[in-house]
Amino acid sequence: MRQIIASFFVAAAHAQASDRVALPGFALDRTEVTIGQFERYVRATGSVTRAEKEGGGFEYGAGWERRPGWTWRALAHRR
Protein backbone atom coordinates (compact mmCIF):
# COMPACT_ATOMS: atom_id res chain seq x y z
CA MET A 1 0.00 0.00 0.00
CA ARG A 2 1.07 3.52 -0.64
CA GLN A 3 0.15 6.26 1.83
CA ILE A 4 -1.38 9.29 0.15
CA ILE A 5 -1.45 12.47 2.22
CA ALA A 6 -3.67 15.49 1.49
CA SER A 7 -4.23 14.42 -2.11
CA PHE A 8 -6.87 15.06 -4.69
CA PHE A 9 -8.58 12.32 -6.69
CA VAL A 10 -10.04 12.81 -10.14
CA ALA A 11 -12.11 9.91 -11.48
CA ALA A 12 -11.72 10.68 -15.18
CA ALA A 13 -8.95 12.19 -17.23
CA HIS A 14 -11.23 14.99 -18.44
CA ALA A 15 -12.88 15.78 -15.10
CA GLN A 16 -13.57 19.37 -14.25
CA ALA A 17 -11.90 21.06 -11.28
CA SER A 18 -15.31 20.99 -9.55
CA ASP A 19 -15.24 17.16 -9.80
CA ARG A 20 -12.19 16.92 -7.58
CA VAL A 21 -12.62 15.60 -4.06
CA ALA A 22 -10.14 16.22 -1.23
CA LEU A 23 -9.18 12.97 0.46
CA PRO A 24 -7.03 13.65 3.50
CA GLY A 25 -4.71 10.73 4.33
CA PHE A 26 -5.71 7.32 2.96
CA ALA A 27 -3.98 4.18 1.70
CA LEU A 28 -4.22 3.00 -1.89
CA ASP A 29 -3.04 -0.31 -3.37
CA ARG A 30 -1.09 -0.25 -6.63
CA THR A 31 -3.36 -2.96 -8.05
CA GLU A 32 -6.72 -4.50 -7.30
CA VAL A 33 -7.02 -7.38 -4.84
CA THR A 34 -8.32 -10.67 -6.23
CA ILE A 35 -10.89 -12.79 -4.39
CA GLY A 36 -8.21 -15.45 -3.92
CA GLN A 37 -5.81 -12.95 -2.36
CA PHE A 38 -8.55 -11.65 -0.08
CA GLU A 39 -9.46 -15.21 0.92
CA ARG A 40 -5.83 -15.88 1.93
CA TYR A 41 -5.86 -12.66 3.98
CA VAL A 42 -9.10 -13.68 5.76
CA ARG A 43 -7.71 -17.14 6.55
CA ALA A 44 -4.49 -15.65 7.92
CA THR A 45 -6.17 -12.94 10.04
CA GLY A 46 -9.64 -14.28 10.87
CA SER A 47 -11.09 -11.02 9.57
CA VAL A 48 -14.87 -10.77 9.07
CA THR A 49 -16.24 -8.12 6.71
CA ARG A 50 -19.03 -5.72 7.53
CA ALA A 51 -21.19 -7.34 4.82
CA GLU A 52 -20.77 -10.73 6.52
CA LYS A 53 -21.68 -9.29 9.92
CA GLU A 54 -24.73 -7.46 8.56
CA GLY A 55 -26.10 -10.21 6.30
CA GLY A 56 -25.08 -8.75 2.94
CA GLY A 57 -23.48 -5.89 1.10
CA PHE A 58 -24.76 -2.92 -0.84
CA GLU A 59 -25.16 -2.21 -4.54
CA TYR A 60 -26.11 1.04 -6.20
CA GLY A 61 -29.36 0.57 -8.10
CA ALA A 62 -32.10 3.12 -7.44
CA GLY A 63 -29.87 4.42 -4.65
CA TRP A 64 -27.85 2.20 -2.30
CA GLU A 65 -29.69 -1.09 -1.77
CA ARG A 66 -28.72 -4.01 0.45
CA ARG A 67 -28.29 -7.34 -1.31
CA PRO A 68 -28.93 -10.11 1.21
CA GLY A 69 -26.14 -12.68 1.28
CA TRP A 70 -23.92 -10.61 -1.03
CA THR A 71 -20.40 -10.97 0.36
CA TRP A 72 -16.99 -11.82 -1.02
CA ARG A 73 -17.65 -15.45 -0.03
CA ALA A 74 -20.65 -15.63 -2.38
CA LEU A 75 -18.39 -14.42 -5.21
CA ALA A 76 -15.66 -16.90 -4.25
CA HIS A 77 -18.09 -19.81 -4.62
CA ARG A 78 -18.95 -18.72 -8.19
CA ARG A 79 -15.37 -19.22 -9.40
C-alpha atoms as a PDB file:
ATOM      1  CA  MET A   1       0.000   0.000   0.000  1.00  0.00           C
ATOM      2  CA  ARG A   2       1.074   3.516  -0.636  1.00  0.00           C
ATOM      3  CA  GLN A   3       0.152   6.259   1.828  1.00  0.00           C
ATOM      4  CA  ILE A   4      -1.377   9.291   0.149  1.00  0.00           C
ATOM      5  CA  ILE A   5      -1.447  12.470   2.221  1.00  0.00           C
ATOM      6  CA  ALA A   6      -3.675  15.495   1.489  1.00  0.00           C
ATOM      7  CA  SER A   7      -4.231  14.422  -2.106  1.00  0.00           C
ATOM      8  CA  PHE A   8      -6.872  15.062  -4.695  1.00  0.00           C
ATOM      9  CA  PHE A   9      -8.578  12.322  -6.691  1.00  0.00           C
ATOM     10  CA  VAL A  10     -10.044  12.809 -10.142  1.00  0.00           C
ATOM     11  CA  ALA A  11     -12.109   9.906 -11.477  1.00  0.00           C
ATOM     12  CA  ALA A  12     -11.722  10.677 -15.177  1.00  0.00           C
ATOM     13  CA  ALA A  13      -8.946  12.187 -17.232  1.00  0.00           C
ATOM     14  CA  HIS A  14     -11.226  14.995 -18.435  1.00  0.00           C
ATOM     15  CA  ALA A  15     -12.879  15.781 -15.097  1.00  0.00           C
ATOM     16  CA  GLN A  16     -13.570  19.374 -14.251  1.00  0.00           C
ATOM     17  CA  ALA A  17     -11.895  21.059 -11.279  1.00  0.00           C
ATOM     18  CA  SER A  18     -15.306  20.989  -9.551  1.00  0.00           C
ATOM     19  CA  ASP A  19     -15.243  17.158  -9.801  1.00  0.00           C
ATOM     20  CA  ARG A  20     -12.192  16.923  -7.575  1.00  0.00           C
ATOM     21  CA  VAL A  21     -12.617  15.596  -4.056  1.00  0.00           C
ATOM     22  CA  ALA A  22     -10.140  16.224  -1.228  1.00  0.00           C
ATOM     23  CA  LEU A  23      -9.177  12.969   0.459  1.00  0.00           C
ATOM     24  CA  PRO A  24      -7.026  13.652   3.498  1.00  0.00           C
ATOM     25  CA  GLY A  25      -4.710  10.725   4.327  1.00  0.00           C
ATOM     26  CA  PHE A  26      -5.712   7.318   2.962  1.00  0.00           C
ATOM     27  CA  ALA A  27      -3.977   4.181   1.700  1.00  0.00           C
ATOM     28  CA  LEU A  28      -4.217   2.998  -1.888  1.00  0.00           C
ATOM     29  CA  ASP A  29      -3.036  -0.313  -3.374  1.00  0.00           C
ATOM     30  CA  ARG A  30      -1.089  -0.249  -6.631  1.00  0.00           C
ATOM     31  CA  THR A  31      -3.358  -2.960  -8.054  1.00  0.00           C
ATOM     32  CA  GLU A  32      -6.724  -4.497  -7.302  1.00  0.00           C
ATOM     33  CA  VAL A  33      -7.023  -7.385  -4.841  1.00  0.00           C
ATOM     34  CA  THR A  34      -8.319 -10.674  -6.230  1.00  0.00           C
ATOM     35  CA  ILE A  35     -10.890 -12.787  -4.386  1.00  0.00           C
ATOM     36  CA  GLY A  36      -8.211 -15.452  -3.920  1.00  0.00           C
ATOM     37  CA  GLN A  37      -5.809 -12.946  -2.355  1.00  0.00           C
ATOM     38  CA  PHE A  38      -8.553 -11.651  -0.083  1.00  0.00           C
ATOM     39  CA  GLU A  39      -9.459 -15.207   0.919  1.00  0.00           C
ATOM     40  CA  ARG A  40      -5.831 -15.880   1.932  1.00  0.00           C
ATOM     41  CA  TYR A  41      -5.858 -12.658   3.976  1.00  0.00           C
ATOM     42  CA  VAL A  42      -9.095 -13.680   5.759  1.00  0.00           C
ATOM     43  CA  ARG A  43      -7.712 -17.138   6.546  1.00  0.00           C
ATOM     44  CA  ALA A  44      -4.493 -15.648   7.925  1.00  0.00           C
ATOM     45  CA  THR A  45      -6.173 -12.941  10.037  1.00  0.00           C
ATOM     46  CA  GLY A  46      -9.642 -14.277  10.870  1.00  0.00           C
ATOM     47  CA  SER A  47     -11.088 -11.020   9.569  1.00  0.00           C
ATOM     48  CA  VAL A  48     -14.870 -10.766   9.069  1.00  0.00           C
ATOM     49  CA  THR A  49     -16.238  -8.122   6.709  1.00  0.00           C
ATOM     50  CA  ARG A  50     -19.027  -5.716   7.531  1.00  0.00           C
ATOM     51  CA  ALA A  51     -21.187  -7.338   4.824  1.00  0.00           C
ATOM     52  CA  GLU A  52     -20.766 -10.729   6.517  1.00  0.00           C
ATOM     53  CA  LYS A  53     -21.679  -9.286   9.918  1.00  0.00           C
ATOM     54  CA  GLU A  54     -24.733  -7.462   8.564  1.00  0.00           C
ATOM     55  CA  GLY A  55     -26.096 -10.207   6.299  1.00  0.00           C
ATOM     56  CA  GLY A  56     -25.080  -8.752   2.943  1.00  0.00           C
ATOM     57  CA  GLY A  57     -23.479  -5.890   1.101  1.00  0.00           C
ATOM     58  CA  PHE A  58     -24.763  -2.916  -0.842  1.00  0.00           C
ATOM     59  CA  GLU A  59     -25.157  -2.210  -4.535  1.00  0.00           C
ATOM     60  CA  TYR A  60     -26.107   1.035  -6.205  1.00  0.00           C
ATOM     61  CA  GLY A  61     -29.362   0.572  -8.099  1.00  0.00           C
ATOM     62  CA  ALA A  62     -32.099   3.123  -7.436  1.00  0.00           C
ATOM     63  CA  GLY A  63     -29.869   4.420  -4.653  1.00  0.00           C
ATOM     64  CA  TRP A  64     -27.854   2.201  -2.305  1.00  0.00           C
ATOM     65  CA  GLU A  65     -29.689  -1.089  -1.771  1.00  0.00           C
ATOM     66  CA  ARG A  66     -28.719  -4.010   0.450  1.00  0.00           C
ATOM     67  CA  ARG A  67     -28.287  -7.336  -1.313  1.00  0.00           C
ATOM     68  CA  PRO A  68     -28.935 -10.112   1.211  1.00  0.00           C
ATOM     69  CA  GLY A  69     -26.142 -12.677   1.281  1.00  0.00           C
ATOM     70  CA  TRP A  70     -23.921 -10.605  -1.035  1.00  0.00           C
ATOM     71  CA  THR A  71     -20.404 -10.969   0.358  1.00  0.00           C
ATOM     72  CA  TRP A  72     -16.992 -11.821  -1.023  1.00  0.00           C
ATOM     73  CA  ARG A  73     -17.647 -15.446  -0.028  1.00  0.00           C
ATOM     74  CA  ALA A  74     -20.646 -15.632  -2.384  1.00  0.00           C
ATOM     75  CA  LEU A  75     -18.389 -14.423  -5.205  1.00  0.00           C
ATOM     76  CA  ALA A  76     -15.658 -16.895  -4.250  1.00  0.00           C
ATOM     77  CA  HIS A  77     -18.095 -19.815  -4.622  1.00  0.00           C
ATOM     78  CA  ARG A  78     -18.950 -18.725  -8.191  1.00  0.00           C
ATOM     79  CA  ARG A  79     -15.370 -19.223  -9.400  1.00  0.00           C
END
